[in-house]
Amino acid sequence: MDYNKVRKFCRVFRITIGLLLVGTGIIQLGAFDGAGWFFLGFIPLIAGLTNFCPLCIFSKKCDTPK
């Protein structure tokens, strides 16, 4: 299994989901739920941009072989 391809896919996926959630928060800015979606979108967005997954620390499933 090519782990680099999986990590590239995960990174693009996290950035996309983050941007979608931030965009949803901006669209619903007048609603009560808008701020929640806006700030929730920063977690996958930052994880994708820095290529760091906080869940991988606990699950240890994202580690690449050495």
PDB file of N, CA and C in Angstrom:
ATOM      1  N   MET A   1       0.836  -1.176   0.000  1.00  0.00           N
ATOM      2  CA  MET A   1       0.000   0.000   0.000  1.00  0.00           C
ATOM      3  C   MET A   1       0.885   1.246   0.000  1.00  0.00           C
ATOM      4  N   ASP A   2       0.572   2.177  -0.861  1.00  0.00           N
ATOM      5  CA  ASP A   2       1.352   3.400  -0.956  1.00  0.00           C
ATOM      6  C   ASP A   2       0.788   4.436   0.024  1.00  0.00           C
ATOM      7  N   TYR A   3       1.486   4.620   1.143  1.00  0.00           N
ATOM      8  CA  TYR A   3       0.998   5.506   2.197  1.00  0.00           C
ATOM      9  C   TYR A   3       1.051   6.969   1.784  1.00  0.00           C
ATOM     10  N   ASN A   4       1.953   7.319   0.886  1.00  0.00           N
ATOM     11  CA  ASN A   4       2.034   8.720   0.463  1.00  0.00           C
ATOM     12  C   ASN A   4       0.784   9.145  -0.288  1.00  0.00           C
ATOM     13  N   LYS A   5       0.221   8.233  -1.085  1.00  0.00           N
ATOM     14  CA  LYS A   5      -1.017   8.558  -1.796  1.00  0.00           C
ATOM     15  C   LYS A   5      -2.169   8.712  -0.812  1.00  0.00           C
ATOM     16  N   VAL A   6      -2.210   7.880   0.190  1.00  0.00           N
ATOM     17  CA  VAL A   6      -3.276   7.968   1.183  1.00  0.00           C
ATOM     18  C   VAL A   6      -3.157   9.283   1.941  1.00  0.00           C
ATOM     19  N   ARG A   7      -1.963   9.647   2.333  1.00  0.00           N
ATOM     20  CA  ARG A   7      -1.770  10.894   3.073  1.00  0.00           C
ATOM     21  C   ARG A   7      -2.101  12.102   2.201  1.00  0.00           C
ATOM     22  N   LYS A   8      -1.767  12.054   0.908  1.00  0.00           N
ATOM     23  CA  LYS A   8      -2.107  13.166   0.018  1.00  0.00           C
ATOM     24  C   LYS A   8      -3.617  13.295  -0.100  1.00  0.00           C
ATOM     25  N   PHE A   9      -4.307  12.157  -0.215  1.00  0.00           N
ATOM     26  CA  PHE A   9      -5.763  12.185  -0.305  1.00  0.00           C
ATOM     27  C   PHE A   9      -6.366  12.739   0.980  1.00  0.00           C
ATOM     28  N   CYS A  10      -5.855  12.312   2.124  1.00  0.00           N
ATOM     29  CA  CYS A  10      -6.373  12.782   3.412  1.00  0.00           C
ATOM     30  C   CYS A  10      -6.155  14.274   3.568  1.00  0.00           C
ATOM     31  N   ARG A  11      -5.028  14.749   3.114  1.00  0.00           N
ATOM     32  CA  ARG A  11      -4.730  16.177   3.237  1.00  0.00           C
ATOM     33  C   ARG A  11      -5.689  17.001   2.390  1.00  0.00           C
ATOM     34  N   VAL A  12      -5.897  16.607   1.153  1.00  0.00           N
ATOM     35  CA  VAL A  12      -6.832  17.315   0.273  1.00  0.00           C
ATOM     36  C   VAL A  12      -8.250  17.219   0.826  1.00  0.00           C
ATOM     37  N   PHE A  13      -8.610  16.050   1.347  1.00  0.00           N
ATOM     38  CA  PHE A  13      -9.938  15.841   1.916  1.00  0.00           C
ATOM     39  C   PHE A  13     -10.162  16.746   3.127  1.00  0.00           C
ATOM     40  N   ARG A  14      -9.178  16.856   4.004  1.00  0.00           N
ATOM     41  CA  ARG A  14      -9.310  17.710   5.190  1.00  0.00           C
ATOM     42  C   ARG A  14      -9.436  19.177   4.810  1.00  0.00           C
ATOM     43  N   ILE A  15      -8.646  19.626   3.850  1.00  0.00           N
ATOM     44  CA  ILE A  15      -8.716  21.022   3.428  1.00  0.00           C
ATOM     45  C   ILE A  15     -10.072  21.313   2.808  1.00  0.00           C
ATOM     46  N   THR A  16     -10.577  20.398   1.984  1.00  0.00           N
ATOM     47  CA  THR A  16     -11.875  20.583   1.340  1.00  0.00           C
ATOM     48  C   THR A  16     -12.998  20.642   2.367  1.00  0.00           C
ATOM     49  N   ILE A  17     -12.996  19.703   3.302  1.00  0.00           N
ATOM     50  CA  ILE A  17     -14.030  19.693   4.338  1.00  0.00           C
ATOM     51  C   ILE A  17     -13.941  20.955   5.191  1.00  0.00           C
ATOM     52  N   GLY A  18     -12.741  21.377   5.526  1.00  0.00           N
ATOM     53  CA  GLY A  18     -12.558  22.595   6.313  1.00  0.00           C
ATOM     54  C   GLY A  18     -13.100  23.826   5.603  1.00  0.00           C
ATOM     55  N   LEU A  19     -12.802  23.943   4.318  1.00  0.00           N
ATOM     56  CA  LEU A  19     -13.297  25.087   3.556  1.00  0.00           C
ATOM     57  C   LEU A  19     -14.811  25.053   3.415  1.00  0.00           C
ATOM     58  N   LEU A  20     -15.371  23.860   3.244  1.00  0.00           N
ATOM     59  CA  LEU A  20     -16.828  23.743   3.156  1.00  0.00           C
ATOM     60  C   LEU A  20     -17.502  24.150   4.466  1.00  0.00           C
ATOM     61  N   LEU A  21     -16.943  23.735   5.583  1.00  0.00           N
ATOM     62  CA  LEU A  21     -17.532  24.097   6.870  1.00  0.00           C
ATOM     63  C   LEU A  21     -17.389  25.583   7.159  1.00  0.00           C
ATOM     64  N   VAL A  22     -16.233  26.161   6.834  1.00  0.00           N
ATOM     65  CA  VAL A  22     -16.048  27.605   7.019  1.00  0.00           C
ATOM     66  C   VAL A  22     -17.005  28.368   6.102  1.00  0.00           C
ATOM     67  N   GLY A  23     -17.151  27.914   4.871  1.00  0.00           N
ATOM     68  CA  GLY A  23     -18.088  28.544   3.935  1.00  0.00           C
ATOM     69  C   GLY A  23     -19.527  28.451   4.414  1.00  0.00           C
ATOM     70  N   THR A  24     -19.901  27.304   4.972  1.00  0.00           N
ATOM     71  CA  THR A  24     -21.247  27.143   5.520  1.00  0.00           C
ATOM     72  C   THR A  24     -21.463  28.104   6.680  1.00  0.00           C
ATOM     73  N   GLY A  25     -20.456  28.273   7.511  1.00  0.00           N
ATOM     74  CA  GLY A  25     -20.555  29.216   8.618  1.00  0.00           C
ATOM     75  C   GLY A  25     -20.695  30.647   8.152  1.00  0.00           C
ATOM     76  N   ILE A  26     -20.012  31.002   7.068  1.00  0.00           N
ATOM     77  CA  ILE A  26     -20.105  32.365   6.538  1.00  0.00           C
ATOM     78  C   ILE A  26     -21.481  32.603   5.925  1.00  0.00           C
ATOM     79  N   ILE A  27     -22.003  31.605   5.229  1.00  0.00           N
ATOM     80  CA  ILE A  27     -23.326  31.741   4.609  1.00  0.00           C
ATOM     81  C   ILE A  27     -24.400  31.874   5.685  1.00  0.00           C
ATOM     82  N   GLN A  28     -24.280  31.109   6.764  1.00  0.00           N
ATOM     83  CA  GLN A  28     -25.264  31.138   7.838  1.00  0.00           C
ATOM     84  C   GLN A  28     -24.850  32.088   8.956  1.00  0.00           C
ATOM     85  N   LEU A  29     -24.135  33.137   8.618  1.00  0.00           N
ATOM     86  CA  LEU A  29     -23.596  34.039   9.626  1.00  0.00           C
ATOM     87  C   LEU A  29     -24.685  34.669  10.490  1.00  0.00           C
ATOM     88  N   GLY A  30     -25.836  34.941   9.907  1.00  0.00           N
ATOM     89  CA  GLY A  30     -26.923  35.535  10.681  1.00  0.00           C
ATOM     90  C   GLY A  30     -27.601  34.537  11.597  1.00  0.00           C
ATOM     91  N   ALA A  31     -27.489  33.256  11.290  1.00  0.00           N
ATOM     92  CA  ALA A  31     -28.141  32.236  12.106  1.00  0.00           C
ATOM     93  C   ALA A  31     -27.289  31.906  13.326  1.00  0.00           C
ATOM     94  N   PHE A  32     -27.895  31.278  14.289  1.00  0.00           N
ATOM     95  CA  PHE A  32     -27.181  30.907  15.516  1.00  0.00           C
ATOM     96  C   PHE A  32     -26.131  29.833  15.254  1.00  0.00           C
ATOM     97  N   ASP A  33     -26.398  28.923  14.314  1.00  0.00           N
ATOM     98  CA  ASP A  33     -25.481  27.821  14.031  1.00  0.00           C
ATOM     99  C   ASP A  33     -24.296  28.246  13.173  1.00  0.00           C
ATOM    100  N   GLY A  34     -24.337  29.417  12.582  1.00  0.00           N
ATOM    101  CA  GLY A  34     -23.282  29.848  11.671  1.00  0.00           C
ATOM    102  C   GLY A  34     -21.916  29.931  12.320  1.00  0.00           C
ATOM    103  N   ALA A  35     -21.852  30.453  13.517  1.00  0.00           N
ATOM    104  CA  ALA A  35     -20.560  30.598  14.190  1.00  0.00           C
ATOM    105  C   ALA A  35     -19.969  29.242  14.539  1.00  0.00           C
ATOM    106  N   GLY A  36     -20.803  28.292  14.891  1.00  0.00           N
ATOM    107  CA  GLY A  36     -20.323  26.950  15.222  1.00  0.00           C
ATOM    108  C   GLY A  36     -19.695  26.259  14.030  1.00  0.00           C
ATOM    109  N   TRP A  37     -20.363  26.329  12.874  1.00  0.00           N
ATOM    110  CA  TRP A  37     -19.805  25.715  11.664  1.00  0.00           C
ATOM    111  C   TRP A  37     -18.530  26.422  11.236  1.00  0.00           C
ATOM    112  N   PHE A  38     -18.517  27.743  11.405  1.00  0.00           N
ATOM    113  CA  PHE A  38     -17.342  28.525  11.014  1.00  0.00           C
ATOM    114  C   PHE A  38     -16.107  28.085  11.798  1.00  0.00           C
ATOM    115  N   PHE A  39     -16.239  28.018  13.123  1.00  0.00           N
ATOM    116  CA  PHE A  39     -15.087  27.659  13.954  1.00  0.00           C
ATOM    117  C   PHE A  39     -14.772  26.166  13.876  1.00  0.00           C
ATOM    118  N   LEU A  40     -15.784  25.328  13.668  1.00  0.00           N
ATOM    119  CA  LEU A  40     -15.562  23.895  13.517  1.00  0.00           C
ATOM    120  C   LEU A  40     -14.774  23.588  12.243  1.00  0.00           C
ATOM    121  N   GLY A  41     -14.925  24.404  11.223  1.00  0.00           N
ATOM    122  CA  GLY A  41     -14.210  24.209   9.965  1.00  0.00           C
ATOM    123  C   GLY A  41     -12.713  24.445  10.065  1.00  0.00           C
ATOM    124  N   PHE A  42     -12.287  25.192  11.070  1.00  0.00           N
ATOM    125  CA  PHE A  42     -10.854  25.468  11.210  1.00  0.00           C
ATOM    126  C   PHE A  42     -10.064  24.240  11.646  1.00  0.00           C
ATOM    127  N   ILE A  43     -10.684  23.305  12.336  1.00  0.00           N
ATOM    128  CA  ILE A  43      -9.962  22.113  12.799  1.00  0.00           C
ATOM    129  C   ILE A  43      -9.452  21.284  11.620  1.00  0.00           C
ATOM    130  N   PRO A  44     -10.319  20.835  10.687  1.00  0.00           N
ATOM    131  CA  PRO A  44      -9.769  20.072   9.551  1.00  0.00           C
ATOM    132  C   PRO A  44      -8.945  20.932   8.596  1.00  0.00           C
ATOM    133  N   LEU A  45      -9.270  22.233   8.514  1.00  0.00           N
ATOM    134  CA  LEU A  45      -8.506  23.106   7.629  1.00  0.00           C
ATOM    135  C   LEU A  45      -7.063  23.244   8.104  1.00  0.00           C
ATOM    136  N   ILE A  46      -6.871  23.505   9.369  1.00  0.00           N
ATOM    137  CA  ILE A  46      -5.513  23.618   9.912  1.00  0.00           C
ATOM    138  C   ILE A  46      -4.801  22.272   9.875  1.00  0.00           C
ATOM    139  N   ALA A  47      -5.539  21.189  10.155  1.00  0.00           N
ATOM    140  CA  ALA A  47      -4.938  19.852  10.096  1.00  0.00           C
ATOM    141  C   ALA A  47      -4.467  19.536   8.680  1.00  0.00           C
ATOM    142  N   GLY A  48      -5.232  19.940   7.678  1.00  0.00           N
ATOM    143  CA  GLY A  48      -4.836  19.690   6.293  1.00  0.00           C
ATOM    144  C   GLY A  48      -3.678  20.563   5.840  1.00  0.00           C
ATOM    145  N   LEU A  49      -3.687  21.821   6.256  1.00  0.00           N
ATOM    146  CA  LEU A  49      -2.621  22.731   5.835  1.00  0.00           C
ATOM    147  C   LEU A  49      -1.285  22.400   6.492  1.00  0.00           C
ATOM    148  N   THR A  50      -1.321  21.937   7.722  1.00  0.00           N
ATOM    149  CA  THR A  50      -0.079  21.606   8.417  1.00  0.00           C
ATOM    150  C   THR A  50       0.308  20.139   8.256  1.00  0.00           C
ATOM    151  N   ASN A  51      -0.575  19.350   7.621  1.00  0.00           N
ATOM    152  CA  ASN A  51      -0.358  17.912   7.429  1.00  0.00           C
ATOM    153  C   ASN A  51      -0.167  17.204   8.776  1.00  0.00           C
ATOM    154  N   PHE A  52      -0.985  17.597   9.725  1.00  0.00           N
ATOM    155  CA  PHE A  52      -0.953  17.031  11.067  1.00  0.00           C
ATOM    156  C   PHE A  52      -2.371  16.684  11.468  1.00  0.00           C
ATOM    157  N   CYS A  53      -2.566  15.457  11.904  1.00  0.00           N
ATOM    158  CA  CYS A  53      -3.891  15.014  12.316  1.00  0.00           C
ATOM    159  C   CYS A  53      -3.883  14.741  13.817  1.00  0.00           C
ATOM    160  N   PRO A  54      -4.656  15.501  14.596  1.00  0.00           N
ATOM    161  CA  PRO A  54      -4.676  15.277  16.033  1.00  0.00           C
ATOM    162  C   PRO A  54      -5.194  13.892  16.415  1.00  0.00           C
ATOM    163  N   LEU A  55      -6.084  13.324  15.619  1.00  0.00           N
ATOM    164  CA  LEU A  55      -6.625  11.998  15.928  1.00  0.00           C
ATOM    165  C   LEU A  55      -5.595  10.898  15.727  1.00  0.00           C
ATOM    166  N   CYS A  56      -4.594  11.144  14.896  1.00  0.00           N
ATOM    167  CA  CYS A  56      -3.566  10.132  14.654  1.00  0.00           C
ATOM    168  C   CYS A  56      -2.693   9.898  15.883  1.00  0.00           C
ATOM    169  N   ILE A  57      -2.612  10.880  16.755  1.00  0.00           N
ATOM    170  CA  ILE A  57      -1.836  10.704  17.983  1.00  0.00           C
ATOM    171  C   ILE A  57      -2.465   9.609  18.840  1.00  0.00           C
ATOM    172  N   PHE A  58      -3.798   9.613  18.897  1.00  0.00           N
ATOM    173  CA  PHE A  58      -4.497   8.656  19.750  1.00  0.00           C
ATOM    174  C   PHE A  58      -4.741   7.312  19.062  1.00  0.00           C
ATOM    175  N   SER A  59      -5.076   7.334  17.770  1.00  0.00           N
ATOM    176  CA  SER A  59      -5.409   6.086  17.081  1.00  0.00           C
ATOM    177  C   SER A  59      -4.185   5.354  16.545  1.00  0.00           C
ATOM    178  N   LYS A  60      -3.112   6.083  16.240  1.00  0.00           N
ATOM    179  CA  LYS A  60      -1.864   5.533  15.687  1.00  0.00           C
ATOM    180  C   LYS A  60      -2.096   4.758  14.382  1.00  0.00           C
ATOM    181  N   LYS A  61      -3.141   5.114  13.638  1.00  0.00           N
ATOM    182  CA  LYS A  61      -3.423   4.453  12.360  1.00  0.00           C
ATOM    183  C   LYS A  61      -2.858   5.225  11.184  1.00  0.00           C
ATOM    184  N   CYS A  62      -2.457   6.449  11.392  1.00  0.00           N
ATOM    185  CA  CYS A  62      -1.954   7.274  10.308  1.00  0.00           C
ATOM    186  C   CYS A  62      -0.446   7.263  10.176  1.00  0.00           C
ATOM    187  N   ASP A  63       0.233   6.517  11.036  1.00  0.00           N
ATOM    188  CA  ASP A  63       1.685   6.502  10.989  1.00  0.00           C
ATOM    189  C   ASP A  63       2.174   5.818   9.723  1.00  0.00           C
ATOM    190  N   THR A  64       3.161   6.416   9.091  1.00  0.00           N
ATOM    191  CA  THR A  64       3.762   5.792   7.921  1.00  0.00           C
ATOM    192  C   THR A  64       4.852   4.850   8.371  1.00  0.00           C
ATOM    193  N   PRO A  65       5.054   3.743   7.658  1.00  0.00           N
ATOM    194  CA  PRO A  65       6.102   2.810   8.057  1.00  0.00           C
ATOM    195  C   PRO A  65       7.492   3.421   7.866  1.00  0.00           C
ATOM    196  N   LYS A  66       8.419   2.986   8.665  1.00  0.00           N
ATOM    197  CA  LYS A  66       9.780   3.534   8.585  1.00  0.00           C
ATOM    198  C   LYS A  66      10.685   2.627   7.786  1.00  0.00           C
TER     199      LYS A  66
END
